[in-house]
Amino acid sequence: MRIAICDDDISFTSKLEDIISREFAKNGKKTEIDVFFDGETLVKSIESGHRYSMIFLDIEMKKMNGITAARRIRQLDRYTLIIYISSYDDYLKELFEVEPFRFVSKPIQLEQLQRYCAEAIKKIEGMNNLFVYSYNKEEYSVPIKEIVYFESNKRLVDIHMNDGTVRSFYGKLNNLEKEIQKINKHFIRIHQSFLVNYSYIKSMTYSEVVLECKDEEYVLRISEDRRSTVRQKVCEIAGGSQS
């Protein structure tokens, strides 16, 4: 598993690298860790073709800060897990735009980092999960990570994929919501007609969610009776209580 650390504090990166290597080894995972001391160098590495399962990224760096770097990284790699090294309370406005997986505080809290490493391994291993459905007596499967949202369409459920295609099957969104939660808890029911993938949320207001995929945006309404529940679910996912 290839991992990147990007922080301009050399002593901190050394300590973090040791802990990550040890924690992944305890979980039976081999790691290859690349260390960068500014966001610009990290971005250039990814632009050259290097890919990372996860990136530990400091927000406050003098040469290209973490948020700027993450914006560019997301254009190149939708699925790498970004773990910010900071306090997310200070950067809540940018939360959805760069889609961080977790936030690690300084100084390192060992128990927190151990838990995040275990959660990251579980997340990465589960990203290849498939959603299986039937249509016209034929069985199909699609990677869950490529589903942007589900939409109820009379007797059908439409699957909006990240390549812009739409697939359909006969079913009810209520039943689908229960089933999908068993394998992926990052889908949020925002409306009677919409079940959205948190990973594609770009921004959210009190009444709408904006999903973004490959320069396409989808603006979906949050029903009034679900607004409180939706915000709570979003905070739970962002805070790491659901993975």
C-alpha atoms as a PDB file:
ATOM      1  CA  MET A   1       0.000   0.000   0.000  1.00  0.00           C
ATOM      2  CA  ARG A   2       1.527   3.300  -1.079  1.00  0.00           C
ATOM      3  CA  ILE A   3       1.168   6.241   1.311  1.00  0.00           C
ATOM      4  CA  ALA A   4       2.263   9.887   1.112  1.00  0.00           C
ATOM      5  CA  ILE A   5       3.068  12.245   3.980  1.00  0.00           C
ATOM      6  CA  CYS A   6       3.206  15.961   3.230  1.00  0.00           C
ATOM      7  CA  ASP A   7       4.260  18.308   6.037  1.00  0.00           C
ATOM      8  CA  ASP A   8       6.977  20.951   6.286  1.00  0.00           C
ATOM      9  CA  ASP A   9       7.931  19.839   9.815  1.00  0.00           C
ATOM     10  CA  ILE A  10      10.745  17.307   9.280  1.00  0.00           C
ATOM     11  CA  SER A  11      10.755  15.923  12.820  1.00  0.00           C
ATOM     12  CA  PHE A  12       6.979  15.470  12.730  1.00  0.00           C
ATOM     13  CA  THR A  13       7.032  13.626   9.393  1.00  0.00           C
ATOM     14  CA  SER A  14       9.706  11.265  10.700  1.00  0.00           C
ATOM     15  CA  LYS A  15       7.649  10.390  13.772  1.00  0.00           C
ATOM     16  CA  LEU A  16       4.466  10.030  11.726  1.00  0.00           C
ATOM     17  CA  GLU A  17       6.192   7.758   9.209  1.00  0.00           C
ATOM     18  CA  ASP A  18       7.388   5.439  11.985  1.00  0.00           C
ATOM     19  CA  ILE A  19       3.918   5.173  13.534  1.00  0.00           C
ATOM     20  CA  ILE A  20       2.168   4.555  10.198  1.00  0.00           C
ATOM     21  CA  SER A  21       4.656   1.849   9.207  1.00  0.00           C
ATOM     22  CA  ARG A  22       4.206   0.116  12.555  1.00  0.00           C
ATOM     23  CA  GLU A  23       0.396   0.312  12.549  1.00  0.00           C
ATOM     24  CA  PHE A  24       0.018  -1.004   9.018  1.00  0.00           C
ATOM     25  CA  ALA A  25       2.480  -3.825   9.727  1.00  0.00           C
ATOM     26  CA  LYS A  26       0.382  -4.800  12.767  1.00  0.00           C
ATOM     27  CA  ASN A  27      -2.555  -5.158  10.380  1.00  0.00           C
ATOM     28  CA  GLY A  28      -0.506  -7.298   8.001  1.00  0.00           C
ATOM     29  CA  LYS A  29      -0.093  -4.566   5.382  1.00  0.00           C
ATOM     30  CA  LYS A  30       3.146  -3.684   3.636  1.00  0.00           C
ATOM     31  CA  THR A  31       3.644   0.015   3.014  1.00  0.00           C
ATOM     32  CA  GLU A  32       5.728   2.196   0.755  1.00  0.00           C
ATOM     33  CA  ILE A  33       5.819   5.715   2.188  1.00  0.00           C
ATOM     34  CA  ASP A  34       6.871   8.834   0.270  1.00  0.00           C
ATOM     35  CA  VAL A  35       7.542  12.012   2.258  1.00  0.00           C
ATOM     36  CA  PHE A  36       7.069  15.527   0.863  1.00  0.00           C
ATOM     37  CA  PHE A  37       7.749  18.844   2.556  1.00  0.00           C
ATOM     38  CA  ASP A  38       5.438  21.051   0.498  1.00  0.00           C
ATOM     39  CA  GLY A  39       2.187  20.635  -1.395  1.00  0.00           C
ATOM     40  CA  GLU A  40       3.627  21.629  -4.745  1.00  0.00           C
ATOM     41  CA  THR A  41       6.107  18.736  -4.810  1.00  0.00           C
ATOM     42  CA  LEU A  42       3.378  16.275  -3.824  1.00  0.00           C
ATOM     43  CA  VAL A  43       1.079  17.502  -6.597  1.00  0.00           C
ATOM     44  CA  LYS A  44       3.887  17.224  -9.167  1.00  0.00           C
ATOM     45  CA  SER A  45       4.501  13.635  -8.073  1.00  0.00           C
ATOM     46  CA  ILE A  46       0.833  12.758  -8.618  1.00  0.00           C
ATOM     47  CA  GLU A  47       0.784  14.622 -11.929  1.00  0.00           C
ATOM     48  CA  SER A  48       3.707  12.458 -13.050  1.00  0.00           C
ATOM     49  CA  GLY A  49       1.608   9.340 -12.489  1.00  0.00           C
ATOM     50  CA  HIS A  50       2.246   8.291  -8.886  1.00  0.00           C
ATOM     51  CA  ARG A  51      -0.863   7.173  -7.004  1.00  0.00           C
ATOM     52  CA  TYR A  52      -1.399   6.800  -3.262  1.00  0.00           C
ATOM     53  CA  SER A  53      -3.972   4.842  -1.301  1.00  0.00           C
ATOM     54  CA  MET A  54      -3.874   7.571   1.319  1.00  0.00           C
ATOM     55  CA  ILE A  55      -2.227  10.940   1.884  1.00  0.00           C
ATOM     56  CA  PHE A  56      -1.445  12.585   5.226  1.00  0.00           C
ATOM     57  CA  LEU A  57      -1.565  16.274   4.350  1.00  0.00           C
ATOM     58  CA  ASP A  58      -0.728  19.280   6.510  1.00  0.00           C
ATOM     59  CA  ILE A  59      -3.089  22.190   5.928  1.00  0.00           C
ATOM     60  CA  GLU A  60      -0.790  25.018   6.955  1.00  0.00           C
ATOM     61  CA  MET A  61       2.358  24.956   4.814  1.00  0.00           C
ATOM     62  CA  LYS A  62       4.226  27.960   3.461  1.00  0.00           C
ATOM     63  CA  LYS A  63       4.626  26.635  -0.083  1.00  0.00           C
ATOM     64  CA  MET A  64       1.203  25.592  -1.426  1.00  0.00           C
ATOM     65  CA  ASN A  65      -1.010  24.865   1.563  1.00  0.00           C
ATOM     66  CA  GLY A  66      -2.880  21.621   2.034  1.00  0.00           C
ATOM     67  CA  ILE A  67      -6.257  22.819   0.789  1.00  0.00           C
ATOM     68  CA  THR A  68      -4.813  24.139  -2.468  1.00  0.00           C
ATOM     69  CA  ALA A  69      -2.875  20.906  -2.925  1.00  0.00           C
ATOM     70  CA  ALA A  70      -5.960  18.799  -2.169  1.00  0.00           C
ATOM     71  CA  ARG A  71      -8.028  20.640  -4.773  1.00  0.00           C
ATOM     72  CA  ARG A  72      -5.484  19.732  -7.411  1.00  0.00           C
ATOM     73  CA  ILE A  73      -5.147  16.161  -6.123  1.00  0.00           C
ATOM     74  CA  ARG A  74      -8.908  15.648  -6.367  1.00  0.00           C
ATOM     75  CA  GLN A  75      -8.785  16.618 -10.044  1.00  0.00           C
ATOM     76  CA  LEU A  76      -6.235  13.862 -10.598  1.00  0.00           C
ATOM     77  CA  ASP A  77      -7.410  11.159  -8.200  1.00  0.00           C
ATOM     78  CA  ARG A  78     -10.959  10.908  -6.907  1.00  0.00           C
ATOM     79  CA  TYR A  79     -10.426   7.989  -4.563  1.00  0.00           C
ATOM     80  CA  THR A  80      -7.241   8.539  -2.561  1.00  0.00           C
ATOM     81  CA  LEU A  81      -7.976   9.007   1.143  1.00  0.00           C
ATOM     82  CA  ILE A  82      -6.832  12.390   2.445  1.00  0.00           C
ATOM     83  CA  ILE A  83      -6.128  12.676   6.156  1.00  0.00           C
ATOM     84  CA  TYR A  84      -5.585  16.286   7.124  1.00  0.00           C
ATOM     85  CA  ILE A  85      -3.087  17.195   9.802  1.00  0.00           C
ATOM     86  CA  SER A  86      -4.925  19.987  11.601  1.00  0.00           C
ATOM     87  CA  SER A  87      -8.180  20.806  13.358  1.00  0.00           C
ATOM     88  CA  TYR A  88     -11.119  20.581  10.977  1.00  0.00           C
ATOM     89  CA  ASP A  89     -13.114  23.162  12.939  1.00  0.00           C
ATOM     90  CA  ASP A  90     -10.965  25.884  11.391  1.00  0.00           C
ATOM     91  CA  TYR A  91     -11.601  24.698   7.840  1.00  0.00           C
ATOM     92  CA  LEU A  92     -15.215  23.551   7.838  1.00  0.00           C
ATOM     93  CA  LYS A  93     -16.090  25.628   4.757  1.00  0.00           C
ATOM     94  CA  GLU A  94     -13.593  23.677   2.649  1.00  0.00           C
ATOM     95  CA  LEU A  95     -14.627  20.287   4.054  1.00  0.00           C
ATOM     96  CA  PHE A  96     -16.763  19.036   1.170  1.00  0.00           C
ATOM     97  CA  GLU A  97     -14.671  20.550  -1.580  1.00  0.00           C
ATOM     98  CA  VAL A  98     -11.588  18.457  -0.846  1.00  0.00           C
ATOM     99  CA  GLU A  99     -13.313  15.475   0.815  1.00  0.00           C
ATOM    100  CA  PRO A 100     -10.930  14.623   3.658  1.00  0.00           C
ATOM    101  CA  PHE A 101     -11.256  11.184   5.214  1.00  0.00           C
ATOM    102  CA  ARG A 102     -10.124  12.172   8.721  1.00  0.00           C
ATOM    103  CA  PHE A 103      -8.286  14.916  10.648  1.00  0.00           C
ATOM    104  CA  VAL A 104      -5.179  14.264  12.743  1.00  0.00           C
ATOM    105  CA  SER A 105      -4.218  16.814  15.375  1.00  0.00           C
ATOM    106  CA  LYS A 106      -0.771  17.981  16.458  1.00  0.00           C
ATOM    107  CA  PRO A 107       0.862  16.772  18.612  1.00  0.00           C
ATOM    108  CA  ILE A 108       0.030  13.228  17.535  1.00  0.00           C
ATOM    109  CA  GLN A 109      -2.537  11.419  19.654  1.00  0.00           C
ATOM    110  CA  LEU A 110      -1.415   7.816  19.285  1.00  0.00           C
ATOM    111  CA  GLU A 111      -4.764   6.154  19.981  1.00  0.00           C
ATOM    112  CA  GLN A 112      -6.505   8.432  17.494  1.00  0.00           C
ATOM    113  CA  LEU A 113      -3.936   7.728  14.784  1.00  0.00           C
ATOM    114  CA  GLN A 114      -4.070   3.979  15.433  1.00  0.00           C
ATOM    115  CA  ARG A 115      -7.843   4.038  15.022  1.00  0.00           C
ATOM    116  CA  TYR A 116      -7.652   6.097  11.832  1.00  0.00           C
ATOM    117  CA  CYS A 117      -5.088   3.742  10.299  1.00  0.00           C
ATOM    118  CA  ALA A 118      -7.350   0.759  11.016  1.00  0.00           C
ATOM    119  CA  GLU A 119     -10.365   2.605   9.585  1.00  0.00           C
ATOM    120  CA  ALA A 120      -8.386   3.601   6.486  1.00  0.00           C
ATOM    121  CA  ILE A 121      -7.371  -0.002   5.819  1.00  0.00           C
ATOM    122  CA  LYS A 122     -10.992  -1.083   6.129  1.00  0.00           C
ATOM    123  CA  LYS A 123     -12.121   1.740   3.856  1.00  0.00           C
ATOM    124  CA  ILE A 124      -9.532   1.016   1.161  1.00  0.00           C
ATOM    125  CA  GLU A 125     -10.291  -2.696   1.189  1.00  0.00           C
ATOM    126  CA  GLY A 126     -14.005  -1.960   0.886  1.00  0.00           C
ATOM    127  CA  MET A 127     -13.743   0.483  -2.001  1.00  0.00           C
ATOM    128  CA  ASN A 128     -14.004  -2.360  -4.488  1.00  0.00           C
ATOM    129  CA  ASN A 129     -17.391  -3.476  -3.161  1.00  0.00           C
ATOM    130  CA  LEU A 130     -19.986  -4.025  -5.848  1.00  0.00           C
ATOM    131  CA  PHE A 131     -23.658  -3.157  -5.992  1.00  0.00           C
ATOM    132  CA  VAL A 132     -25.551  -6.006  -7.635  1.00  0.00           C
ATOM    133  CA  TYR A 133     -28.986  -5.572  -9.221  1.00  0.00           C
ATOM    134  CA  SER A 134     -31.262  -7.299 -11.724  1.00  0.00           C
ATOM    135  CA  TYR A 135     -33.059  -5.917 -14.761  1.00  0.00           C
ATOM    136  CA  ASN A 136     -35.018  -7.834 -17.407  1.00  0.00           C
ATOM    137  CA  LYS A 137     -33.932 -11.137 -15.820  1.00  0.00           C
ATOM    138  CA  GLU A 138     -30.257 -10.219 -16.220  1.00  0.00           C
ATOM    139  CA  GLU A 139     -27.910  -9.614 -13.279  1.00  0.00           C
ATOM    140  CA  TYR A 140     -25.537  -6.644 -13.311  1.00  0.00           C
ATOM    141  CA  SER A 141     -22.955  -5.221 -10.923  1.00  0.00           C
ATOM    142  CA  VAL A 142     -21.318  -1.802 -10.595  1.00  0.00           C
ATOM    143  CA  PRO A 143     -18.597  -0.540  -8.212  1.00  0.00           C
ATOM    144  CA  ILE A 144     -20.269   1.268  -5.336  1.00  0.00           C
ATOM    145  CA  LYS A 145     -17.577   3.960  -5.397  1.00  0.00           C
ATOM    146  CA  GLU A 146     -18.706   4.918  -8.928  1.00  0.00           C
ATOM    147  CA  ILE A 147     -22.343   5.540  -7.936  1.00  0.00           C
ATOM    148  CA  VAL A 148     -23.081   9.264  -7.509  1.00  0.00           C
ATOM    149  CA  TYR A 149     -26.695   8.879  -6.390  1.00  0.00           C
ATOM    150  CA  PHE A 150     -29.829   6.762  -6.651  1.00  0.00           C
ATOM    151  CA  GLU A 151     -33.104   8.296  -7.801  1.00  0.00           C
ATOM    152  CA  SER A 152     -36.605   6.913  -7.413  1.00  0.00           C
ATOM    153  CA  ASN A 153     -38.413   7.036 -10.755  1.00  0.00           C
ATOM    154  CA  LYS A 154     -41.928   5.610 -10.381  1.00  0.00           C
ATOM    155  CA  ARG A 155     -41.448   1.815 -10.232  1.00  0.00           C
ATOM    156  CA  LEU A 156     -37.783   2.089 -11.169  1.00  0.00           C
ATOM    157  CA  VAL A 157     -34.654   3.134  -9.313  1.00  0.00           C
ATOM    158  CA  ASP A 158     -32.166   5.012 -11.502  1.00  0.00           C
ATOM    159  CA  ILE A 159     -28.451   4.651 -10.729  1.00  0.00           C
ATOM    160  CA  HIS A 160     -26.534   7.782 -11.713  1.00  0.00           C
ATOM    161  CA  MET A 161     -22.921   6.763 -12.365  1.00  0.00           C
ATOM    162  CA  ASN A 162     -19.797   8.913 -12.263  1.00  0.00           C
ATOM    163  CA  ASP A 163     -19.252   8.473 -16.007  1.00  0.00           C
ATOM    164  CA  GLY A 164     -22.577  10.197 -16.706  1.00  0.00           C
ATOM    165  CA  THR A 165     -24.506   7.035 -17.552  1.00  0.00           C
ATOM    166  CA  VAL A 166     -27.775   6.047 -15.890  1.00  0.00           C
ATOM    167  CA  ARG A 167     -28.712   2.436 -15.145  1.00  0.00           C
ATOM    168  CA  SER A 168     -32.106   1.292 -13.890  1.00  0.00           C
ATOM    169  CA  PHE A 169     -33.777  -1.565 -12.066  1.00  0.00           C
ATOM    170  CA  TYR A 170     -37.187  -2.267 -10.578  1.00  0.00           C
ATOM    171  CA  GLY A 171     -37.275  -1.575  -6.868  1.00  0.00           C
ATOM    172  CA  LYS A 172     -38.075   0.779  -4.008  1.00  0.00           C
ATOM    173  CA  LEU A 173     -35.680   3.323  -2.567  1.00  0.00           C
ATOM    174  CA  ASN A 174     -36.755   2.459   0.992  1.00  0.00           C
ATOM    175  CA  ASN A 175     -35.611  -1.136   0.552  1.00  0.00           C
ATOM    176  CA  LEU A 176     -32.452  -0.082  -1.260  1.00  0.00           C
ATOM    177  CA  GLU A 177     -31.509   2.318   1.532  1.00  0.00           C
ATOM    178  CA  LYS A 178     -31.600  -0.511   4.089  1.00  0.00           C
ATOM    179  CA  GLU A 179     -29.559  -2.845   1.892  1.00  0.00           C
ATOM    180  CA  ILE A 180     -26.883  -0.330   0.895  1.00  0.00           C
ATOM    181  CA  GLN A 181     -26.251   0.611   4.540  1.00  0.00           C
ATOM    182  CA  LYS A 182     -25.123  -2.959   5.216  1.00  0.00           C
ATOM    183  CA  ILE A 183     -22.160  -2.595   2.862  1.00  0.00           C
ATOM    184  CA  ASN A 184     -21.544   1.158   2.679  1.00  0.00           C
ATOM    185  CA  LYS A 185     -22.689   3.681   5.281  1.00  0.00           C
ATOM    186  CA  HIS A 186     -21.746   6.729   3.205  1.00  0.00           C
ATOM    187  CA  PHE A 187     -25.072   6.958   1.384  1.00  0.00           C
ATOM    188  CA  ILE A 188     -27.455   9.589   2.728  1.00  0.00           C
ATOM    189  CA  ARG A 189     -31.209   9.751   2.120  1.00  0.00           C
ATOM    190  CA  ILE A 190     -31.827  13.446   1.478  1.00  0.00           C
ATOM    191  CA  HIS A 191     -35.281  13.167  -0.065  1.00  0.00           C
ATOM    192  CA  GLN A 192     -37.986  10.617  -0.755  1.00  0.00           C
ATOM    193  CA  SER A 193     -36.563  10.418  -4.279  1.00  0.00           C
ATOM    194  CA  PHE A 194     -32.791  10.706  -3.661  1.00  0.00           C
ATOM    195  CA  LEU A 195     -30.125   8.597  -1.957  1.00  0.00           C
ATOM    196  CA  VAL A 196     -26.731  10.265  -2.441  1.00  0.00           C
ATOM    197  CA  ASN A 197     -23.115   9.173  -2.090  1.00  0.00           C
ATOM    198  CA  TYR A 198     -21.347  11.374   0.467  1.00  0.00           C
ATOM    199  CA  SER A 199     -18.084  11.036  -1.486  1.00  0.00           C
ATOM    200  CA  TYR A 200     -19.485  13.213  -4.282  1.00  0.00           C
ATOM    201  CA  ILE A 201     -20.860  16.035  -2.135  1.00  0.00           C
ATOM    202  CA  LYS A 202     -19.232  19.314  -3.135  1.00  0.00           C
ATOM    203  CA  SER A 203     -21.300  21.607  -0.932  1.00  0.00           C
ATOM    204  CA  MET A 204     -24.497  21.690   1.058  1.00  0.00           C
ATOM    205  CA  THR A 205     -26.953  24.370   2.110  1.00  0.00           C
ATOM    206  CA  TYR A 206     -29.928  24.034   4.406  1.00  0.00           C
ATOM    207  CA  SER A 207     -32.184  23.000   1.519  1.00  0.00           C
ATOM    208  CA  GLU A 208     -29.889  21.639  -1.226  1.00  0.00           C
ATOM    209  CA  VAL A 209     -26.957  19.333  -1.849  1.00  0.00           C
ATOM    210  CA  VAL A 210     -24.552  19.917  -4.728  1.00  0.00           C
ATOM    211  CA  LEU A 211     -22.899  16.773  -6.076  1.00  0.00           C
ATOM    212  CA  GLU A 212     -19.891  17.078  -8.372  1.00  0.00           C
ATOM    213  CA  CYS A 213     -18.409  14.524 -10.726  1.00  0.00           C
ATOM    214  CA  LYS A 214     -15.996  15.162 -13.604  1.00  0.00           C
ATOM    215  CA  ASP A 215     -16.936  18.842 -13.939  1.00  0.00           C
ATOM    216  CA  GLU A 216     -20.655  17.996 -13.855  1.00  0.00           C
ATOM    217  CA  GLU A 217     -22.781  19.275 -10.985  1.00  0.00           C
ATOM    218  CA  TYR A 218     -26.099  17.908  -9.728  1.00  0.00           C
ATOM    219  CA  VAL A 219     -28.220  20.117  -7.475  1.00  0.00           C
ATOM    220  CA  LEU A 220     -30.663  18.034  -5.444  1.00  0.00           C
ATOM    221  CA  ARG A 221     -33.258  19.216  -2.966  1.00  0.00           C
ATOM    222  CA  ILE A 222     -33.198  18.164   0.684  1.00  0.00           C
ATOM    223  CA  SER A 223     -36.752  17.563   1.844  1.00  0.00           C
ATOM    224  CA  GLU A 224     -37.800  19.698   4.793  1.00  0.00           C
ATOM    225  CA  ASP A 225     -38.495  16.755   7.089  1.00  0.00           C
ATOM    226  CA  ARG A 226     -35.003  15.291   6.498  1.00  0.00           C
ATOM    227  CA  ARG A 227     -32.834  18.413   6.875  1.00  0.00           C
ATOM    228  CA  SER A 228     -31.841  17.858  10.489  1.00  0.00           C
ATOM    229  CA  THR A 229     -31.139  14.153   9.935  1.00  0.00           C
ATOM    230  CA  VAL A 230     -29.075  14.856   6.818  1.00  0.00           C
ATOM    231  CA  ARG A 231     -26.854  17.379   8.576  1.00  0.00           C
ATOM    232  CA  GLN A 232     -26.371  14.992  11.487  1.00  0.00           C
ATOM    233  CA  LYS A 233     -25.403  12.137   9.159  1.00  0.00           C
ATOM    234  CA  VAL A 234     -22.945  14.351   7.273  1.00  0.00           C
ATOM    235  CA  CYS A 235     -21.273  15.402  10.524  1.00  0.00           C
ATOM    236  CA  GLU A 236     -21.051  11.772  11.678  1.00  0.00           C
ATOM    237  CA  ILE A 237     -19.312  10.707   8.466  1.00  0.00           C
ATOM    238  CA  ALA A 238     -16.966  13.709   8.459  1.00  0.00           C
ATOM    239  CA  GLY A 239     -16.130  13.170  12.117  1.00  0.00           C
ATOM    240  CA  GLY A 240     -15.276   9.528  11.599  1.00  0.00           C
ATOM    241  CA  SER A 241     -18.029   7.872  13.612  1.00  0.00           C
ATOM    242  CA  GLN A 242     -19.138   6.049  10.447  1.00  0.00           C
ATOM    243  CA  SER A 243     -16.734   4.435   8.008  1.00  0.00           C
END
